[in-house]
Amino acid sequence: MISRKSIIAITLIAILGAYIGYWFYARNVAVQVIDNWAEQRRAEGYTVKYAAPEIGGFPLLISAQLDTPDLRRDAFAWRGDRMTIEFRPWNFRKIRIDLEGEQSLTLKNIADRITLAPEEAAIVATLSESGRLADATLLVRDLQASDPAGASLLQATEIWLEAKTPETAPASHADESLTLSLSAADIVLPENIKGPLGRTLSKLRAEFRIRGAAPGGNLAKALEVWRKSGGTVDVDWFQLNWGKLDFRAKGTLSLDAESRPLGAFSTDIRGHNHAVDALVAHGVLELGTATMTKIGLSLLAKSPPEGGPPVLTLPVTAQDGHLYAGPLKILDLDPIRFPTNR
């Protein structure tokens, strides 16, 4: 007669054997998913290259390491040192991607080869039941971006970006097609920027809702289709802390017939007197003009009920190729153009 301990041991061995078999099945599925994704991109006109994946992670993960991944088409090119793709054997819809080492990015006619060297860069994505991308989160820490000559283009302590798509594709220009949330801290601008507010942005936060559908493929053509169909961007929140300037805004943005920004925003501005002083220090404003500007702004600014520095509330509009703060034109706006290769 088989003892109870023997039955338990046999059962555990059977469960362990079944799980090991399932893990190897999941391993083969992971390889097939990677190969299928690459073939789909090639069918879309991309060139996709990577070294044969090394699969590991047993027992709780399926981990696929791809060395020298390379993706390019038309004006776009990206190459990395190493990419690691991970998911749980019991959940194929939740995926984590770690980008290790340096990343090389090229956007012809927009930016020459940019070298991205983050301390950490990870993407966590969730697929819907139909296989569509439901949401994705990008986290980058201690980013260093430089040009081909090695000059610094951008530094950031942290960048966090979250994207969500609806369960069903938008049927009209009024339907949401994408929601974006962005947060960045301690951003250092390029060395050649000598602006009056300095090179460091301590905080950048934004919440966007994009309405209207755009086709895949060439970015310039997709943007034009989106514009003609009445696509808009709802800016639910935008905050920029640059030096002592605290700029916050909400509004709606689109493109006019010439692909120039078109929109209207309500803004709250703190630290505007410090910004005026900075303009004087850099020779942008004369002292007499700055004094009159401060007097005018002080009449418009109000002290918030909760205390703190005065808040200047102004409407900001973009129309006819110009950006206005109230009635004052502050700069010209060029059309947004992307390469139209093929």
C-alpha atoms as a PDB file:
ATOM      1  CA  MET A   1       0.000   0.000   0.000  1.00  0.00           C
ATOM      2  CA  ILE A   2       1.356   3.397  -0.976  1.00  0.00           C
ATOM      3  CA  SER A   3       1.832   5.720   1.969  1.00  0.00           C
ATOM      4  CA  ARG A   4       0.386   9.211   2.139  1.00  0.00           C
ATOM      5  CA  LYS A   5       3.873  10.749   1.939  1.00  0.00           C
ATOM      6  CA  SER A   6       4.562   8.802  -1.245  1.00  0.00           C
ATOM      7  CA  ILE A   7       1.325  10.039  -2.825  1.00  0.00           C
ATOM      8  CA  ILE A   8       2.215  13.635  -1.955  1.00  0.00           C
ATOM      9  CA  ALA A   9       5.732  13.201  -3.356  1.00  0.00           C
ATOM     10  CA  ILE A  10       4.441  11.632  -6.588  1.00  0.00           C
ATOM     11  CA  THR A  11       1.866  14.419  -6.958  1.00  0.00           C
ATOM     12  CA  LEU A  12       4.498  17.125  -6.453  1.00  0.00           C
ATOM     13  CA  ILE A  13       6.821  15.457  -8.954  1.00  0.00           C
ATOM     14  CA  ALA A  14       3.971  15.255 -11.485  1.00  0.00           C
ATOM     15  CA  ILE A  15       3.103  18.955 -10.959  1.00  0.00           C
ATOM     16  CA  LEU A  16       6.761  19.947 -11.253  1.00  0.00           C
ATOM     17  CA  GLY A  17       7.174  17.905 -14.419  1.00  0.00           C
ATOM     18  CA  ALA A  18       4.034  19.428 -15.921  1.00  0.00           C
ATOM     19  CA  TYR A  19       5.231  22.956 -15.095  1.00  0.00           C
ATOM     20  CA  ILE A  20       8.674  22.312 -16.587  1.00  0.00           C
ATOM     21  CA  GLY A  21       7.005  21.076 -19.752  1.00  0.00           C
ATOM     22  CA  TYR A  22       4.740  24.141 -19.815  1.00  0.00           C
ATOM     23  CA  TRP A  23       7.730  26.477 -19.292  1.00  0.00           C
ATOM     24  CA  PHE A  24       9.467  25.047 -22.348  1.00  0.00           C
ATOM     25  CA  TYR A  25       6.224  25.415 -24.290  1.00  0.00           C
ATOM     26  CA  ALA A  26       6.042  29.080 -23.209  1.00  0.00           C
ATOM     27  CA  ARG A  27       9.684  29.470 -24.209  1.00  0.00           C
ATOM     28  CA  ASN A  28       8.886  28.329 -27.753  1.00  0.00           C
ATOM     29  CA  VAL A  29       5.886  30.687 -27.829  1.00  0.00           C
ATOM     30  CA  ALA A  30       8.169  33.597 -26.873  1.00  0.00           C
ATOM     31  CA  VAL A  31      10.546  32.856 -29.741  1.00  0.00           C
ATOM     32  CA  GLN A  32       7.609  32.596 -32.141  1.00  0.00           C
ATOM     33  CA  VAL A  33       6.123  35.900 -30.917  1.00  0.00           C
ATOM     34  CA  ILE A  34       9.446  37.692 -31.511  1.00  0.00           C
ATOM     35  CA  ASP A  35       9.813  36.163 -34.984  1.00  0.00           C
ATOM     36  CA  ASN A  36       6.191  37.032 -35.888  1.00  0.00           C
ATOM     37  CA  TRP A  37       6.644  40.634 -34.741  1.00  0.00           C
ATOM     38  CA  ALA A  38       9.788  40.978 -36.853  1.00  0.00           C
ATOM     39  CA  GLU A  39       8.064  39.533 -39.922  1.00  0.00           C
ATOM     40  CA  GLN A  40       5.108  41.899 -39.493  1.00  0.00           C
ATOM     41  CA  ARG A  41       7.453  44.899 -39.355  1.00  0.00           C
ATOM     42  CA  ARG A  42       9.318  43.656 -42.437  1.00  0.00           C
ATOM     43  CA  ALA A  43       5.983  43.393 -44.261  1.00  0.00           C
ATOM     44  CA  GLU A  44       5.440  47.070 -43.397  1.00  0.00           C
ATOM     45  CA  GLY A  45       8.740  48.003 -45.018  1.00  0.00           C
ATOM     46  CA  TYR A  46      11.030  48.007 -41.994  1.00  0.00           C
ATOM     47  CA  THR A  47      14.457  46.456 -41.863  1.00  0.00           C
ATOM     48  CA  VAL A  48      14.669  44.380 -38.680  1.00  0.00           C
ATOM     49  CA  LYS A  49      17.884  42.786 -37.429  1.00  0.00           C
ATOM     50  CA  TYR A  50      18.935  41.175 -34.156  1.00  0.00           C
ATOM     51  CA  ALA A  51      21.132  38.352 -32.958  1.00  0.00           C
ATOM     52  CA  ALA A  52      19.438  35.021 -32.223  1.00  0.00           C
ATOM     53  CA  PRO A  53      17.656  35.427 -28.864  1.00  0.00           C
ATOM     54  CA  GLU A  54      19.046  33.759 -25.766  1.00  0.00           C
ATOM     55  CA  ILE A  55      16.140  32.401 -23.698  1.00  0.00           C
ATOM     56  CA  GLY A  56      16.306  31.995 -19.919  1.00  0.00           C
ATOM     57  CA  GLY A  57      14.495  32.996 -16.761  1.00  0.00           C
ATOM     58  CA  PHE A  58      13.426  29.581 -15.486  1.00  0.00           C
ATOM     59  CA  PRO A  59      11.368  29.000 -13.391  1.00  0.00           C
ATOM     60  CA  LEU A  60       9.291  32.187 -12.924  1.00  0.00           C
ATOM     61  CA  LEU A  61      10.132  34.157 -16.073  1.00  0.00           C
ATOM     62  CA  ILE A  62      10.519  33.820 -19.799  1.00  0.00           C
ATOM     63  CA  SER A  63      13.453  36.079 -20.622  1.00  0.00           C
ATOM     64  CA  ALA A  64      14.661  36.672 -24.193  1.00  0.00           C
ATOM     65  CA  GLN A  65      17.915  38.589 -24.680  1.00  0.00           C
ATOM     66  CA  LEU A  66      18.488  40.122 -28.127  1.00  0.00           C
ATOM     67  CA  ASP A  67      21.902  41.605 -28.860  1.00  0.00           C
ATOM     68  CA  THR A  68      22.398  44.496 -31.315  1.00  0.00           C
ATOM     69  CA  PRO A  69      18.708  44.997 -32.200  1.00  0.00           C
ATOM     70  CA  ASP A  70      18.287  47.228 -35.252  1.00  0.00           C
ATOM     71  CA  LEU A  71      15.082  48.760 -36.646  1.00  0.00           C
ATOM     72  CA  ARG A  72      14.916  51.202 -39.556  1.00  0.00           C
ATOM     73  CA  ARG A  73      12.719  52.451 -42.361  1.00  0.00           C
ATOM     74  CA  ASP A  74      12.874  55.554 -44.532  1.00  0.00           C
ATOM     75  CA  ALA A  75      13.955  58.485 -42.331  1.00  0.00           C
ATOM     76  CA  PHE A  76      13.935  56.507 -39.082  1.00  0.00           C
ATOM     77  CA  ALA A  77      16.734  54.346 -37.688  1.00  0.00           C
ATOM     78  CA  TRP A  78      17.286  52.890 -34.209  1.00  0.00           C
ATOM     79  CA  ARG A  79      19.972  50.566 -32.922  1.00  0.00           C
ATOM     80  CA  GLY A  80      20.652  49.327 -29.405  1.00  0.00           C
ATOM     81  CA  ASP A  81      23.337  47.381 -27.605  1.00  0.00           C
ATOM     82  CA  ARG A  82      20.982  44.867 -26.026  1.00  0.00           C
ATOM     83  CA  MET A  83      17.263  44.324 -25.470  1.00  0.00           C
ATOM     84  CA  THR A  84      15.750  41.975 -22.904  1.00  0.00           C
ATOM     85  CA  ILE A  85      12.096  40.941 -23.191  1.00  0.00           C
ATOM     86  CA  GLU A  86      10.413  39.353 -20.168  1.00  0.00           C
ATOM     87  CA  PHE A  87       6.991  38.025 -19.245  1.00  0.00           C
ATOM     88  CA  ARG A  88       5.499  35.523 -16.831  1.00  0.00           C
ATOM     89  CA  PRO A  89       4.824  32.062 -18.281  1.00  0.00           C
ATOM     90  CA  TRP A  90       1.197  32.338 -17.151  1.00  0.00           C
ATOM     91  CA  ASN A  91       0.617  35.848 -18.564  1.00  0.00           C
ATOM     92  CA  PHE A  92       1.611  36.460 -22.197  1.00  0.00           C
ATOM     93  CA  ARG A  93      -0.159  39.840 -22.291  1.00  0.00           C
ATOM     94  CA  LYS A  94       2.074  41.682 -19.791  1.00  0.00           C
ATOM     95  CA  ILE A  95       5.526  42.355 -21.243  1.00  0.00           C
ATOM     96  CA  ARG A  96       8.597  44.134 -19.900  1.00  0.00           C
ATOM     97  CA  ILE A  97      11.361  45.345 -22.198  1.00  0.00           C
ATOM     98  CA  ASP A  98      14.719  46.543 -20.851  1.00  0.00           C
ATOM     99  CA  LEU A  99      16.985  48.541 -23.153  1.00  0.00           C
ATOM    100  CA  GLU A 100      20.570  48.113 -21.997  1.00  0.00           C
ATOM    101  CA  GLY A 101      23.646  50.077 -23.001  1.00  0.00           C
ATOM    102  CA  GLU A 102      23.657  52.866 -25.575  1.00  0.00           C
ATOM    103  CA  GLN A 103      20.847  53.516 -28.046  1.00  0.00           C
ATOM    104  CA  SER A 104      21.444  55.204 -31.399  1.00  0.00           C
ATOM    105  CA  LEU A 105      18.536  57.150 -32.945  1.00  0.00           C
ATOM    106  CA  THR A 106      18.421  58.908 -36.322  1.00  0.00           C
ATOM    107  CA  LEU A 107      15.557  60.955 -37.804  1.00  0.00           C
ATOM    108  CA  LYS A 108      16.750  62.205 -41.184  1.00  0.00           C
ATOM    109  CA  ASN A 109      15.981  65.870 -41.955  1.00  0.00           C
ATOM    110  CA  ILE A 110      15.087  66.344 -38.271  1.00  0.00           C
ATOM    111  CA  ALA A 111      18.045  65.140 -36.214  1.00  0.00           C
ATOM    112  CA  ASP A 112      21.365  63.526 -36.979  1.00  0.00           C
ATOM    113  CA  ARG A 113      22.389  60.428 -35.112  1.00  0.00           C
ATOM    114  CA  ILE A 114      21.629  60.883 -31.415  1.00  0.00           C
ATOM    115  CA  THR A 115      23.304  58.665 -28.833  1.00  0.00           C
ATOM    116  CA  LEU A 116      21.125  57.877 -25.824  1.00  0.00           C
ATOM    117  CA  ALA A 117      22.911  56.524 -22.757  1.00  0.00           C
ATOM    118  CA  PRO A 118      20.462  55.961 -19.883  1.00  0.00           C
ATOM    119  CA  GLU A 119      21.353  54.336 -16.588  1.00  0.00           C
ATOM    120  CA  GLU A 120      18.023  52.496 -16.860  1.00  0.00           C
ATOM    121  CA  ALA A 121      15.414  52.312 -19.617  1.00  0.00           C
ATOM    122  CA  ALA A 122      12.421  50.004 -19.361  1.00  0.00           C
ATOM    123  CA  ILE A 123       9.063  49.619 -21.074  1.00  0.00           C
ATOM    124  CA  VAL A 124       6.129  47.749 -19.523  1.00  0.00           C
ATOM    125  CA  ALA A 125       3.290  47.029 -21.954  1.00  0.00           C
ATOM    126  CA  THR A 126      -0.092  45.330 -21.741  1.00  0.00           C
ATOM    127  CA  LEU A 127      -1.786  43.734 -24.745  1.00  0.00           C
ATOM    128  CA  SER A 128      -5.554  43.518 -25.105  1.00  0.00           C
ATOM    129  CA  GLU A 129      -7.359  40.228 -25.716  1.00  0.00           C
ATOM    130  CA  SER A 130      -7.297  41.001 -29.450  1.00  0.00           C
ATOM    131  CA  GLY A 131      -3.523  41.510 -29.359  1.00  0.00           C
ATOM    132  CA  ARG A 132      -3.632  45.313 -29.684  1.00  0.00           C
ATOM    133  CA  LEU A 133      -1.474  47.494 -27.453  1.00  0.00           C
ATOM    134  CA  ALA A 134      -3.677  48.524 -24.519  1.00  0.00           C
ATOM    135  CA  ASP A 135      -1.142  50.548 -22.552  1.00  0.00           C
ATOM    136  CA  ALA A 136       2.588  51.071 -22.210  1.00  0.00           C
ATOM    137  CA  THR A 137       4.805  52.805 -19.683  1.00  0.00           C
ATOM    138  CA  LEU A 138       8.348  54.021 -20.366  1.00  0.00           C
ATOM    139  CA  LEU A 139      10.722  54.779 -17.493  1.00  0.00           C
ATOM    140  CA  VAL A 140      14.157  56.289 -18.104  1.00  0.00           C
ATOM    141  CA  ARG A 141      16.619  57.205 -15.359  1.00  0.00           C
ATOM    142  CA  ASP A 142      19.773  59.318 -15.604  1.00  0.00           C
ATOM    143  CA  LEU A 143      19.579  59.910 -19.340  1.00  0.00           C
ATOM    144  CA  GLN A 144      22.497  61.370 -21.297  1.00  0.00           C
ATOM    145  CA  ALA A 145      21.804  62.317 -24.936  1.00  0.00           C
ATOM    146  CA  SER A 146      24.616  63.524 -27.193  1.00  0.00           C
ATOM    147  CA  ASP A 147      25.239  64.399 -30.835  1.00  0.00           C
ATOM    148  CA  PRO A 148      27.773  62.671 -33.146  1.00  0.00           C
ATOM    149  CA  ALA A 149      30.512  65.011 -31.881  1.00  0.00           C
ATOM    150  CA  GLY A 150      29.815  64.028 -28.279  1.00  0.00           C
ATOM    151  CA  ALA A 151      28.237  67.343 -27.258  1.00  0.00           C
ATOM    152  CA  SER A 152      25.409  67.074 -24.743  1.00  0.00           C
ATOM    153  CA  LEU A 153      21.925  67.493 -26.237  1.00  0.00           C
ATOM    154  CA  LEU A 154      19.875  66.618 -23.179  1.00  0.00           C
ATOM    155  CA  GLN A 155      20.219  65.273 -19.674  1.00  0.00           C
ATOM    156  CA  ALA A 156      17.429  64.180 -17.341  1.00  0.00           C
ATOM    157  CA  THR A 157      17.320  62.547 -13.938  1.00  0.00           C
ATOM    158  CA  GLU A 158      14.041  60.801 -14.748  1.00  0.00           C
ATOM    159  CA  ILE A 159      11.534  60.575 -17.599  1.00  0.00           C
ATOM    160  CA  TRP A 160       8.233  58.762 -17.208  1.00  0.00           C
ATOM    161  CA  LEU A 161       5.786  58.359 -20.093  1.00  0.00           C
ATOM    162  CA  GLU A 162       2.518  56.425 -20.059  1.00  0.00           C
ATOM    163  CA  ALA A 163       0.352  55.775 -23.123  1.00  0.00           C
ATOM    164  CA  LYS A 164      -3.138  54.226 -23.222  1.00  0.00           C
ATOM    165  CA  THR A 165      -5.360  53.338 -26.158  1.00  0.00           C
ATOM    166  CA  PRO A 166      -9.140  52.739 -26.110  1.00  0.00           C
ATOM    167  CA  GLU A 167     -10.601  49.253 -26.488  1.00  0.00           C
ATOM    168  CA  THR A 168     -12.108  50.224 -29.850  1.00  0.00           C
ATOM    169  CA  ALA A 169     -10.540  52.330 -32.584  1.00  0.00           C
ATOM    170  CA  PRO A 170     -11.921  55.899 -32.903  1.00  0.00           C
ATOM    171  CA  ALA A 171     -14.817  56.214 -35.319  1.00  0.00           C
ATOM    172  CA  SER A 172     -14.651  60.014 -35.690  1.00  0.00           C
ATOM    173  CA  HIS A 173     -12.455  63.013 -34.935  1.00  0.00           C
ATOM    174  CA  ALA A 174     -14.224  63.429 -31.577  1.00  0.00           C
ATOM    175  CA  ASP A 175     -13.194  59.991 -30.274  1.00  0.00           C
ATOM    176  CA  GLU A 176     -10.032  59.484 -28.239  1.00  0.00           C
ATOM    177  CA  SER A 177      -7.282  57.527 -29.972  1.00  0.00           C
ATOM    178  CA  LEU A 178      -4.476  57.916 -27.435  1.00  0.00           C
ATOM    179  CA  THR A 179      -3.933  59.242 -23.911  1.00  0.00           C
ATOM    180  CA  LEU A 180      -0.443  60.352 -22.899  1.00  0.00           C
ATOM    181  CA  SER A 181       0.983  61.257 -19.498  1.00  0.00           C
ATOM    182  CA  LEU A 182       4.484  62.695 -19.244  1.00  0.00           C
ATOM    183  CA  SER A 183       6.644  63.555 -16.266  1.00  0.00           C
ATOM    184  CA  ALA A 184      10.311  64.573 -16.294  1.00  0.00           C
ATOM    185  CA  ALA A 185      12.668  65.925 -13.649  1.00  0.00           C
ATOM    186  CA  ASP A 186      15.935  67.857 -13.690  1.00  0.00           C
ATOM    187  CA  ILE A 187      16.176  68.346 -17.444  1.00  0.00           C
ATOM    188  CA  VAL A 188      19.399  69.991 -18.666  1.00  0.00           C
ATOM    189  CA  LEU A 189      19.160  71.557 -22.127  1.00  0.00           C
ATOM    190  CA  PRO A 190      21.939  71.590 -24.760  1.00  0.00           C
ATOM    191  CA  GLU A 191      25.161  73.437 -24.028  1.00  0.00           C
ATOM    192  CA  ASN A 192      24.583  75.944 -26.837  1.00  0.00           C
ATOM    193  CA  ILE A 193      21.354  77.230 -25.270  1.00  0.00           C
ATOM    194  CA  LYS A 194      22.116  80.486 -23.470  1.00  0.00           C
ATOM    195  CA  GLY A 195      18.559  81.496 -22.596  1.00  0.00           C
ATOM    196  CA  PRO A 196      17.756  83.971 -19.831  1.00  0.00           C
ATOM    197  CA  LEU A 197      16.140  81.275 -17.672  1.00  0.00           C
ATOM    198  CA  GLY A 198      19.169  78.992 -17.757  1.00  0.00           C
ATOM    199  CA  ARG A 199      19.511  75.436 -19.027  1.00  0.00           C
ATOM    200  CA  THR A 200      17.801  73.498 -16.227  1.00  0.00           C
ATOM    201  CA  LEU A 201      14.099  72.651 -16.103  1.00  0.00           C
ATOM    202  CA  SER A 202      13.378  71.225 -12.668  1.00  0.00           C
ATOM    203  CA  LYS A 203       9.980  69.807 -13.596  1.00  0.00           C
ATOM    204  CA  LEU A 204       7.917  69.026 -16.686  1.00  0.00           C
ATOM    205  CA  ARG A 205       4.474  67.440 -16.440  1.00  0.00           C
ATOM    206  CA  ALA A 206       1.783  67.012 -19.074  1.00  0.00           C
ATOM    207  CA  GLU A 207      -1.489  65.160 -19.671  1.00  0.00           C
ATOM    208  CA  PHE A 208      -2.700  64.839 -23.288  1.00  0.00           C
ATOM    209  CA  ARG A 209      -5.721  63.250 -24.966  1.00  0.00           C
ATOM    210  CA  ILE A 210      -5.408  62.830 -28.727  1.00  0.00           C
ATOM    211  CA  ARG A 211      -8.703  62.694 -30.615  1.00  0.00           C
ATOM    212  CA  GLY A 212      -9.164  61.344 -34.133  1.00  0.00           C
ATOM    213  CA  ALA A 213      -7.600  58.431 -35.962  1.00  0.00           C
ATOM    214  CA  ALA A 214      -4.387  58.442 -37.967  1.00  0.00           C
ATOM    215  CA  PRO A 215      -3.190  55.648 -40.246  1.00  0.00           C
ATOM    216  CA  GLY A 216       0.073  53.829 -39.647  1.00  0.00           C
ATOM    217  CA  GLY A 217       3.121  54.143 -41.851  1.00  0.00           C
ATOM    218  CA  ASN A 218       4.773  57.391 -42.904  1.00  0.00           C
ATOM    219  CA  LEU A 219       4.512  59.982 -40.116  1.00  0.00           C
ATOM    220  CA  ALA A 220       4.070  62.989 -42.419  1.00  0.00           C
ATOM    221  CA  LYS A 221       1.178  61.363 -44.294  1.00  0.00           C
ATOM    222  CA  ALA A 222      -0.436  60.140 -41.073  1.00  0.00           C
ATOM    223  CA  LEU A 223      -0.253  63.639 -39.570  1.00  0.00           C
ATOM    224  CA  GLU A 224      -1.858  65.153 -42.681  1.00  0.00           C
ATOM    225  CA  VAL A 225      -4.710  62.624 -42.630  1.00  0.00           C
ATOM    226  CA  TRP A 226      -5.237  63.302 -38.925  1.00  0.00           C
ATOM    227  CA  ARG A 227      -5.279  67.072 -39.517  1.00  0.00           C
ATOM    228  CA  LYS A 228      -7.723  66.914 -42.426  1.00  0.00           C
ATOM    229  CA  SER A 229     -10.083  64.687 -40.451  1.00  0.00           C
ATOM    230  CA  GLY A 230     -10.318  67.286 -37.675  1.00  0.00           C
ATOM    231  CA  GLY A 231      -7.993  65.685 -35.150  1.00  0.00           C
ATOM    232  CA  THR A 232      -7.273  67.621 -31.967  1.00  0.00           C
ATOM    233  CA  VAL A 233      -5.164  67.348 -28.817  1.00  0.00           C
ATOM    234  CA  ASP A 234      -6.754  68.134 -25.458  1.00  0.00           C
ATOM    235  CA  VAL A 235      -4.069  69.395 -23.090  1.00  0.00           C
ATOM    236  CA  ASP A 236      -5.632  68.603 -19.726  1.00  0.00           C
ATOM    237  CA  TRP A 237      -2.554  69.706 -17.806  1.00  0.00           C
ATOM    238  CA  PHE A 238       0.824  71.212 -18.609  1.00  0.00           C
ATOM    239  CA  GLN A 239       3.345  72.411 -16.036  1.00  0.00           C
ATOM    240  CA  LEU A 240       6.851  73.704 -16.614  1.00  0.00           C
ATOM    241  CA  ASN A 241       9.209  74.838 -13.853  1.00  0.00           C
ATOM    242  CA  TRP A 242      12.149  76.647 -15.437  1.00  0.00           C
ATOM    243  CA  GLY A 243      14.365  78.572 -13.056  1.00  0.00           C
ATOM    244  CA  LYS A 244      11.964  80.562 -10.861  1.00  0.00           C
ATOM    245  CA  LEU A 245       9.258  80.523 -13.521  1.00  0.00           C
ATOM    246  CA  ASP A 246       6.268  78.234 -12.865  1.00  0.00           C
ATOM    247  CA  PHE A 247       4.089  77.976 -15.984  1.00  0.00           C
ATOM    248  CA  ARG A 248       0.822  75.991 -15.998  1.00  0.00           C
ATOM    249  CA  ALA A 249      -1.706  75.658 -18.804  1.00  0.00           C
ATOM    250  CA  LYS A 250      -4.801  73.867 -20.076  1.00  0.00           C
ATOM    251  CA  GLY A 251      -6.329  74.006 -23.549  1.00  0.00           C
ATOM    252  CA  THR A 252      -6.810  72.473 -26.978  1.00  0.00           C
ATOM    253  CA  LEU A 253      -4.360  72.209 -29.857  1.00  0.00           C
ATOM    254  CA  SER A 254      -4.700  71.276 -33.534  1.00  0.00           C
ATOM    255  CA  LEU A 255      -3.129  72.178 -36.886  1.00  0.00           C
ATOM    256  CA  ASP A 256      -4.335  74.744 -39.410  1.00  0.00           C
ATOM    257  CA  ALA A 257      -4.459  74.280 -43.193  1.00  0.00           C
ATOM    258  CA  GLU A 258      -0.720  74.979 -43.423  1.00  0.00           C
ATOM    259  CA  SER A 259       0.118  72.540 -40.588  1.00  0.00           C
ATOM    260  CA  ARG A 260       0.883  75.352 -38.145  1.00  0.00           C
ATOM    261  CA  PRO A 261      -0.155  75.018 -34.470  1.00  0.00           C
ATOM    262  CA  LEU A 262      -3.674  76.272 -33.805  1.00  0.00           C
ATOM    263  CA  GLY A 263      -5.005  76.417 -30.279  1.00  0.00           C
ATOM    264  CA  ALA A 264      -6.231  78.275 -27.221  1.00  0.00           C
ATOM    265  CA  PHE A 265      -5.045  77.901 -23.634  1.00  0.00           C
ATOM    266  CA  SER A 266      -5.686  79.334 -20.222  1.00  0.00           C
ATOM    267  CA  THR A 267      -2.445  79.810 -18.290  1.00  0.00           C
ATOM    268  CA  ASP A 268      -1.343  80.506 -14.731  1.00  0.00           C
ATOM    269  CA  ILE A 269       2.131  81.973 -14.395  1.00  0.00           C
ATOM    270  CA  ARG A 270       4.118  82.334 -11.177  1.00  0.00           C
ATOM    271  CA  GLY A 271       7.524  83.979 -10.943  1.00  0.00           C
ATOM    272  CA  HIS A 272       6.876  86.308 -13.865  1.00  0.00           C
ATOM    273  CA  ASN A 273       8.824  89.160 -12.229  1.00  0.00           C
ATOM    274  CA  HIS A 274      11.877  86.894 -11.937  1.00  0.00           C
ATOM    275  CA  ALA A 275      11.493  86.078 -15.638  1.00  0.00           C
ATOM    276  CA  VAL A 276      11.417  89.790 -16.493  1.00  0.00           C
ATOM    277  CA  ASP A 277      14.572  90.362 -14.393  1.00  0.00           C
ATOM    278  CA  ALA A 278      16.278  87.519 -16.263  1.00  0.00           C
ATOM    279  CA  LEU A 279      15.360  89.129 -19.597  1.00  0.00           C
ATOM    280  CA  VAL A 280      16.950  92.380 -18.427  1.00  0.00           C
ATOM    281  CA  ALA A 281      20.093  90.592 -17.252  1.00  0.00           C
ATOM    282  CA  HIS A 282      20.489  89.014 -20.705  1.00  0.00           C
ATOM    283  CA  GLY A 283      19.870  92.265 -22.554  1.00  0.00           C
ATOM    284  CA  VAL A 284      16.547  91.163 -24.028  1.00  0.00           C
ATOM    285  CA  LEU A 285      14.613  93.965 -22.285  1.00  0.00           C
ATOM    286  CA  GLU A 286      15.740  97.469 -21.360  1.00  0.00           C
ATOM    287  CA  LEU A 287      15.415  98.422 -17.707  1.00  0.00           C
ATOM    288  CA  GLY A 288      12.757 101.087 -18.345  1.00  0.00           C
ATOM    289  CA  THR A 289      10.641  98.697 -20.423  1.00  0.00           C
ATOM    290  CA  ALA A 290      11.041  95.994 -17.784  1.00  0.00           C
ATOM    291  CA  THR A 291       9.863  98.355 -15.034  1.00  0.00           C
ATOM    292  CA  MET A 292       6.724  99.250 -16.960  1.00  0.00           C
ATOM    293  CA  THR A 293       6.160  95.574 -17.754  1.00  0.00           C
ATOM    294  CA  LYS A 294       6.344  94.665 -14.073  1.00  0.00           C
ATOM    295  CA  ILE A 295       3.865  97.398 -13.172  1.00  0.00           C
ATOM    296  CA  GLY A 296       1.446  96.170 -15.831  1.00  0.00           C
ATOM    297  CA  LEU A 297       1.784  92.548 -14.777  1.00  0.00           C
ATOM    298  CA  SER A 298       1.317  93.404 -11.100  1.00  0.00           C
ATOM    299  CA  LEU A 299      -2.065  94.949 -11.941  1.00  0.00           C
ATOM    300  CA  LEU A 300      -3.126  91.717 -13.644  1.00  0.00           C
ATOM    301  CA  ALA A 301      -1.661  89.243 -11.162  1.00  0.00           C
ATOM    302  CA  LYS A 302      -3.619  88.077  -8.128  1.00  0.00           C
ATOM    303  CA  SER A 303      -2.527  86.548  -4.840  1.00  0.00           C
ATOM    304  CA  PRO A 304      -3.973  83.032  -4.436  1.00  0.00           C
ATOM    305  CA  PRO A 305      -6.277  82.413  -1.425  1.00  0.00           C
ATOM    306  CA  GLU A 306      -3.926  79.723  -0.107  1.00  0.00           C
ATOM    307  CA  GLY A 307      -1.015  82.173  -0.106  1.00  0.00           C
ATOM    308  CA  GLY A 308       2.193  82.142  -2.104  1.00  0.00           C
ATOM    309  CA  PRO A 309       3.492  84.327  -4.949  1.00  0.00           C
ATOM    310  CA  PRO A 310       1.055  86.260  -7.158  1.00  0.00           C
ATOM    311  CA  VAL A 311      -0.450  84.348 -10.099  1.00  0.00           C
ATOM    312  CA  LEU A 312      -0.720  85.917 -13.525  1.00  0.00           C
ATOM    313  CA  THR A 313      -3.614  84.436 -15.500  1.00  0.00           C
ATOM    314  CA  LEU A 314      -3.418  84.981 -19.252  1.00  0.00           C
ATOM    315  CA  PRO A 315      -5.039  83.502 -22.360  1.00  0.00           C
ATOM    316  CA  VAL A 316      -2.466  82.115 -24.784  1.00  0.00           C
ATOM    317  CA  THR A 317      -3.517  81.491 -28.383  1.00  0.00           C
ATOM    318  CA  ALA A 318      -1.870  80.120 -31.503  1.00  0.00           C
ATOM    319  CA  GLN A 319      -3.388  81.266 -34.783  1.00  0.00           C
ATOM    320  CA  ASP A 320      -2.375  82.426 -38.245  1.00  0.00           C
ATOM    321  CA  GLY A 321       1.212  81.308 -37.622  1.00  0.00           C
ATOM    322  CA  HIS A 322       1.721  83.379 -34.468  1.00  0.00           C
ATOM    323  CA  LEU A 323       1.692  82.775 -30.704  1.00  0.00           C
ATOM    324  CA  TYR A 324      -0.043  85.389 -28.566  1.00  0.00           C
ATOM    325  CA  ALA A 325      -0.028  85.993 -24.805  1.00  0.00           C
ATOM    326  CA  GLY A 326      -3.189  88.018 -24.387  1.00  0.00           C
ATOM    327  CA  PRO A 327      -3.050  90.591 -27.204  1.00  0.00           C
ATOM    328  CA  LEU A 328       0.764  90.515 -27.377  1.00  0.00           C
ATOM    329  CA  LYS A 329       2.424  88.564 -30.199  1.00  0.00           C
ATOM    330  CA  ILE A 330       5.447  86.819 -28.729  1.00  0.00           C
ATOM    331  CA  LEU A 331       6.752  84.618 -31.552  1.00  0.00           C
ATOM    332  CA  ASP A 332       6.093  83.176 -35.018  1.00  0.00           C
ATOM    333  CA  LEU A 333       5.099  79.542 -35.504  1.00  0.00           C
ATOM    334  CA  ASP A 334       6.437  77.508 -38.413  1.00  0.00           C
ATOM    335  CA  PRO A 335       4.562  74.606 -40.007  1.00  0.00           C
ATOM    336  CA  ILE A 336       5.232  71.175 -38.520  1.00  0.00           C
ATOM    337  CA  ARG A 337       6.922  69.103 -41.232  1.00  0.00           C
ATOM    338  CA  PHE A 338       8.192  65.544 -41.240  1.00  0.00           C
ATOM    339  CA  PRO A 339      10.126  63.720 -43.988  1.00  0.00           C
ATOM    340  CA  THR A 340       7.825  62.266 -46.664  1.00  0.00           C
ATOM    341  CA  ASN A 341      10.049  59.439 -47.910  1.00  0.00           C
ATOM    342  CA  ARG A 342       8.012  57.025 -50.035  1.00  0.00           C
END
